Each structure stands twice: as C-alpha cells, then as structure tokens.
C-alpha atoms as a PDB file:
ATOM      1  CA  MET A   1      -0.028   0.309  -0.126  1.00  0.00           C
ATOM      2  CA  THR A   2       2.432   2.547  -0.899  1.00  0.00           C
ATOM      3  CA  ASN A   3      -0.302   5.351  -1.448  1.00  0.00           C
ATOM      4  CA  GLU A   4      -0.306   5.633   2.885  1.00  0.00           C
ATOM      5  CA  ILE A   5       3.448   5.836   3.124  1.00  0.00           C
ATOM      6  CA  ALA A   6       3.965   9.051   4.352  1.00  0.00           C
ATOM      7  CA  ILE A   7       7.411  10.757   3.240  1.00  0.00           C
ATOM      8  CA  SER A   8      10.287  10.562   5.818  1.00  0.00           C
ATOM      9  CA  SER A   9      13.802  10.130   5.907  1.00  0.00           C
ATOM     10  CA  ASN A  10      13.807   6.472   4.664  1.00  0.00           C
ATOM     11  CA  THR A  11      11.600   7.104   1.652  1.00  0.00           C
ATOM     12  CA  LYS A  12      11.824   7.443  -2.106  1.00  0.00           C
ATOM     13  CA  VAL A  13       9.623   9.828  -3.553  1.00  0.00           C
ATOM     14  CA  SER A  14       8.596  10.598  -7.118  1.00  0.00           C
ATOM     15  CA  LEU A  15       7.265  14.094  -7.695  1.00  0.00           C
ATOM     16  CA  ASN A  16       6.673  17.175  -9.951  1.00  0.00           C
ATOM     17  CA  PHE A  17       7.479  20.358  -8.813  1.00  0.00           C
ATOM     18  CA  SER A  18       7.974  24.254  -9.439  1.00  0.00           C
ATOM     19  CA  ILE A  19       9.913  27.075  -7.826  1.00  0.00           C
ATOM     20  CA  THR A  20       8.670  30.550  -8.747  1.00  0.00           C
ATOM     21  CA  LEU A  21      10.287  33.884  -8.102  1.00  0.00           C
ATOM     22  CA  GLU A  22       8.242  36.482  -5.969  1.00  0.00           C
ATOM     23  CA  THR A  23       7.687  38.329  -9.001  1.00  0.00           C
ATOM     24  CA  GLY A  24       5.937  35.248 -10.410  1.00  0.00           C
ATOM     25  CA  GLU A  25       8.534  34.145 -12.700  1.00  0.00           C
ATOM     26  CA  VAL A  26       9.255  30.057 -13.071  1.00  0.00           C
ATOM     27  CA  VAL A  27      12.794  28.932 -12.154  1.00  0.00           C
ATOM     28  CA  ASP A  28      12.113  25.642 -12.894  1.00  0.00           C
ATOM     29  CA  SER A  29       9.277  23.226 -13.585  1.00  0.00           C
ATOM     30  CA  ASN A  30       9.096  20.126 -14.317  1.00  0.00           C
ATOM     31  CA  PHE A  31       4.837  19.658 -14.045  1.00  0.00           C
ATOM     32  CA  ASP A  32       4.728  19.510 -18.030  1.00  0.00           C
ATOM     33  CA  ARG A  33       6.619  16.232 -17.850  1.00  0.00           C
ATOM     34  CA  PRO A  34       7.139  13.024 -16.063  1.00  0.00           C
ATOM     35  CA  PRO A  35       7.552  13.088 -12.131  1.00  0.00           C
ATOM     36  CA  VAL A  36      11.140  12.809 -10.968  1.00  0.00           C
ATOM     37  CA  GLY A  37      12.618  10.644  -8.580  1.00  0.00           C
ATOM     38  CA  PHE A  38      14.773  10.821  -5.175  1.00  0.00           C
ATOM     39  CA  VAL A  39      15.715   9.344  -1.643  1.00  0.00           C
ATOM     40  CA  MET A  40      14.932  12.016   0.778  1.00  0.00           C
ATOM     41  CA  GLY A  41      18.052  12.489   2.231  1.00  0.00           C
ATOM     42  CA  ASP A  42      20.216  12.056  -1.176  1.00  0.00           C
ATOM     43  CA  GLY A  43      21.357  15.668  -1.715  1.00  0.00           C
ATOM     44  CA  SER A  44      19.314  16.162  -4.674  1.00  0.00           C
ATOM     45  CA  LEU A  45      16.969  18.817  -2.336  1.00  0.00           C
ATOM     46  CA  LEU A  46      18.052  21.574   0.002  1.00  0.00           C
ATOM     47  CA  PRO A  47      17.372  20.334   3.300  1.00  0.00           C
ATOM     48  CA  SER A  48      14.493  23.270   3.931  1.00  0.00           C
ATOM     49  CA  PHE A  49      13.154  21.720   0.750  1.00  0.00           C
ATOM     50  CA  GLU A  50      12.823  18.512   1.693  1.00  0.00           C
ATOM     51  CA  SER A  51      11.646  19.173   5.429  1.00  0.00           C
ATOM     52  CA  CYS A  52       8.542  21.094   3.559  1.00  0.00           C
ATOM     53  CA  LEU A  53       7.584  17.618   2.006  1.00  0.00           C
ATOM     54  CA  LEU A  54       7.744  15.598   5.723  1.00  0.00           C
ATOM     55  CA  GLY A  55       4.249  13.915   6.410  1.00  0.00           C
ATOM     56  CA  LEU A  56       2.876  14.429   2.502  1.00  0.00           C
ATOM     57  CA  LYS A  57       1.507  11.466   0.928  1.00  0.00           C
ATOM     58  CA  ALA A  58       0.920  10.377  -2.800  1.00  0.00           C
ATOM     59  CA  GLY A  59      -1.559  12.182  -4.231  1.00  0.00           C
ATOM     60  CA  GLU A  60      -1.241  15.037  -1.989  1.00  0.00           C
ATOM     61  CA  GLN A  61      -0.052  19.225  -3.550  1.00  0.00           C
ATOM     62  CA  ALA A  62       1.178  21.429  -1.217  1.00  0.00           C
ATOM     63  CA  SER A  63       2.840  24.980  -1.411  1.00  0.00           C
ATOM     64  CA  PHE A  64       5.298  26.225   0.503  1.00  0.00           C
ATOM     65  CA  THR A  65       7.041  29.606   1.023  1.00  0.00           C
ATOM     66  CA  ILE A  66      11.207  29.097   1.226  1.00  0.00           C
ATOM     67  CA  GLU A  67      12.350  32.835   2.604  1.00  0.00           C
ATOM     68  CA  PRO A  68      16.512  33.373   1.572  1.00  0.00           C
ATOM     69  CA  GLU A  69      17.911  32.214   4.732  1.00  0.00           C
ATOM     70  CA  GLN A  70      15.937  28.259   4.162  1.00  0.00           C
ATOM     71  CA  GLY A  71      17.051  28.533   0.546  1.00  0.00           C
ATOM     72  CA  PHE A  72      19.906  29.676  -0.935  1.00  0.00           C
ATOM     73  CA  GLY A  73      21.018  32.404   1.581  1.00  0.00           C
ATOM     74  CA  GLU A  74      21.674  36.150   0.951  1.00  0.00           C
ATOM     75  CA  PRO A  75      23.986  37.621  -1.568  1.00  0.00           C
ATOM     76  CA  GLN A  76      27.269  37.414   0.672  1.00  0.00           C
ATOM     77  CA  ASP A  77      29.750  40.435  -0.321  1.00  0.00           C
ATOM     78  CA  ALA A  78      32.982  37.644   0.092  1.00  0.00           C
ATOM     79  CA  ASN A  79      31.411  36.138  -2.991  1.00  0.00           C
ATOM     80  CA  PHE A  80      32.022  39.619  -5.129  1.00  0.00           C
ATOM     81  CA  GLN A  81      35.496  39.969  -6.590  1.00  0.00           C
ATOM     82  CA  ASP A  82      36.774  42.432  -8.724  1.00  0.00           C
ATOM     83  CA  MET A  83      39.034  40.940 -11.490  1.00  0.00           C
ATOM     84  CA  PRO A  84      41.334  43.040 -13.940  1.00  0.00           C
ATOM     85  CA  ARG A  85      39.226  44.043 -17.379  1.00  0.00           C
ATOM     86  CA  ARG A  86      42.138  42.790 -19.374  1.00  0.00           C
ATOM     87  CA  THR A  87      41.081  39.335 -18.370  1.00  0.00           C
ATOM     88  CA  PHE A  88      37.671  39.865 -20.283  1.00  0.00           C
ATOM     89  CA  SER A  89      38.484  39.018 -24.167  1.00  0.00           C
ATOM     90  CA  ASN A  90      38.343  42.387 -26.137  1.00  0.00           C
ATOM     91  CA  ASP A  91      36.367  41.066 -28.754  1.00  0.00           C
ATOM     92  CA  SER A  92      33.104  40.504 -26.860  1.00  0.00           C
ATOM     93  CA  GLU A  93      30.913  43.493 -25.400  1.00  0.00           C
ATOM     94  CA  LEU A  94      30.627  43.209 -21.844  1.00  0.00           C
ATOM     95  CA  GLU A  95      26.936  43.612 -20.091  1.00  0.00           C
ATOM     96  CA  VAL A  96      25.858  43.800 -16.673  1.00  0.00           C
ATOM     97  CA  GLY A  97      24.090  40.400 -16.228  1.00  0.00           C
ATOM     98  CA  MET A  98      26.639  38.241 -18.413  1.00  0.00           C
ATOM     99  CA  VAL A  99      27.418  34.718 -17.580  1.00  0.00           C
ATOM    100  CA  PHE A 100      31.076  34.121 -17.429  1.00  0.00           C
ATOM    101  CA  SER A 101      32.505  30.260 -16.316  1.00  0.00           C
ATOM    102  CA  PHE A 102      35.163  30.492 -14.580  1.00  0.00           C
ATOM    103  CA  ALA A 103      37.685  27.582 -13.086  1.00  0.00           C
ATOM    104  CA  ASP A 104      37.469  26.660  -8.917  1.00  0.00           C
ATOM    105  CA  ALA A 105      40.203  26.064  -6.396  1.00  0.00           C
ATOM    106  CA  ALA A 106      39.086  22.034  -7.605  1.00  0.00           C
ATOM    107  CA  GLY A 107      39.201  22.811 -11.167  1.00  0.00           C
ATOM    108  CA  GLY A 108      35.272  22.494 -11.189  1.00  0.00           C
ATOM    109  CA  GLU A 109      33.673  25.307 -13.422  1.00  0.00           C
ATOM    110  CA  LEU A 110      32.039  27.715 -11.473  1.00  0.00           C
ATOM    111  CA  PRO A 111      29.849  30.646 -13.038  1.00  0.00           C
ATOM    112  CA  GLY A 112      29.527  34.461 -12.195  1.00  0.00           C
ATOM    113  CA  VAL A 113      27.647  37.508 -13.416  1.00  0.00           C
ATOM    114  CA  VAL A 114      29.216  40.572 -14.249  1.00  0.00           C
ATOM    115  CA  ASP A 115      27.667  42.756 -11.686  1.00  0.00           C
ATOM    116  CA  PHE A 116      29.951  46.048 -12.939  1.00  0.00           C
ATOM    117  CA  PHE A 117      32.655  46.979 -15.054  1.00  0.00           C
ATOM    118  CA  ASP A 118      34.248  50.292 -16.154  1.00  0.00           C
ATOM    119  CA  GLU A 119      37.462  50.630 -18.068  1.00  0.00           C
ATOM    120  CA  GLU A 120      40.008  48.477 -15.692  1.00  0.00           C
ATOM    121  CA  THR A 121      37.836  46.799 -13.405  1.00  0.00           C
ATOM    122  CA  VAL A 122      34.898  44.063 -14.369  1.00  0.00           C
ATOM    123  CA  ARG A 123      33.099  42.839 -10.811  1.00  0.00           C
ATOM    124  CA  VAL A 124      31.788  39.591 -11.025  1.00  0.00           C
ATOM    125  CA  ASN A 125      28.844  38.242  -8.691  1.00  0.00           C
ATOM    126  CA  PHE A 126      29.514  34.849  -7.704  1.00  0.00           C
ATOM    127  CA  ASN A 127      26.369  34.288  -5.367  1.00  0.00           C
ATOM    128  CA  HIS A 128      23.925  31.810  -6.381  1.00  0.00           C
ATOM    129  CA  PRO A 129      21.298  33.222  -8.557  1.00  0.00           C
ATOM    130  CA  LEU A 130      18.738  32.679  -6.169  1.00  0.00           C
ATOM    131  CA  ALA A 131      20.423  34.051  -3.217  1.00  0.00           C
ATOM    132  CA  GLY A 132      18.308  36.869  -1.481  1.00  0.00           C
ATOM    133  CA  ARG A 133      15.548  35.400  -3.486  1.00  0.00           C
ATOM    134  CA  THR A 134      11.950  34.433  -1.792  1.00  0.00           C
ATOM    135  CA  LEU A 135      10.983  31.631  -3.656  1.00  0.00           C
ATOM    136  CA  LYS A 136       7.537  29.433  -3.902  1.00  0.00           C
ATOM    137  CA  PHE A 137       7.750  25.648  -3.685  1.00  0.00           C
ATOM    138  CA  GLU A 138       4.957  24.101  -5.013  1.00  0.00           C
ATOM    139  CA  VAL A 139       4.582  20.013  -5.276  1.00  0.00           C
ATOM    140  CA  LYS A 140       2.499  17.409  -6.269  1.00  0.00           C
ATOM    141  CA  ILE A 141       3.362  13.941  -4.716  1.00  0.00           C
ATOM    142  CA  ASP A 142       2.979  11.090  -7.668  1.00  0.00           C
ATOM    143  CA  ARG A 143       4.737   8.230  -5.344  1.00  0.00           C
ATOM    144  CA  VAL A 144       6.153   7.265  -1.933  1.00  0.00           C
ATOM    145  CA  GLU A 145       7.844   4.035  -1.175  1.00  0.00           C
ATOM    146  CA  PRO A 146      10.246   2.558   1.470  1.00  0.00           C
ATOM    147  CA  ALA A 147      13.725   3.436   0.354  1.00  0.00           C
ATOM    148  CA  GLU A 148      15.989   0.788  -1.117  1.00  0.00           C
ATOM    149  CA  LEU A 149      18.942   0.028   2.020  1.00  0.00           C
ATOM    150  CA  HIS A 150      22.274  -0.408   0.400  1.00  0.00           C
END
C-alpha cells in the first residue's frame, strides 16, 4: 500500500514540482514532464525543501514559501570579486548580467555574473543566482515508497 506511506527520511519520492520567484517568474518546473524521483536525504534537494515534504503522501499537493535564509541564503559581499578588465576577451562587449564560467580551486566550473564594470575593472558576482530571493515551492506527490537500503 505505497499510497499510505508518508514521506520521511527513509523514503523514495516521485514528484512534480515548480519553483517560482516572488515576481511570479518560474525558475524551474517539471509539471509538463514525468515526475522525478529521489531519496530523501540524498542531496538532490536543499534540506529546507525536503523538510517541506515530510508527512506528505502520494496524490497530495502542497505549496510552500521558502525564505532566503532557508533557500539559497543572502548574497555575501565576499562572493563579489573585482578582476582586471584585461582578463576578459576584448572581442566581446561586456554587459551587466552576462554569465561567465570560471575554474574553481578544485578544477570545476563556477558561474559568475558581471555585476559592474569600467575601463579597468570587472566586478563578478559569484553568489548563487537565487541568493536573497523568496521562493514559492509547489509540489504534487506522485509516489512514496520505502527507500532501498544499500
């Protein structure tokens, strides 16, 4: 009777979701696609998003407001970095809002958004794009099953 199982830490969840900004702009949604599955606690969702799901059962729908402190945090001044303008290719026109990919210390990719620039300096914002934003999290639970223990 999988439809009687409530979402808890030992469950595999299949759901449709949407994340919307306070402006109504949809950030991500899979309501137009098949449900996605994950195991609670596997790192697929931020803990605050997971905690909203606790106790829900298959067939239920819910909507939650996620404040910045529980979502992607507030923008941090330390995540703004000034770089010499010469670091950026001369053949492209810089614009505020442009996204560039930078290598992080581990060799991975780190996106940065141009926040400001002048003739000498480009200020890049490395905060998460949703930092400081209040989010509306909507879900429709498709299935809840016991998680496979490995």
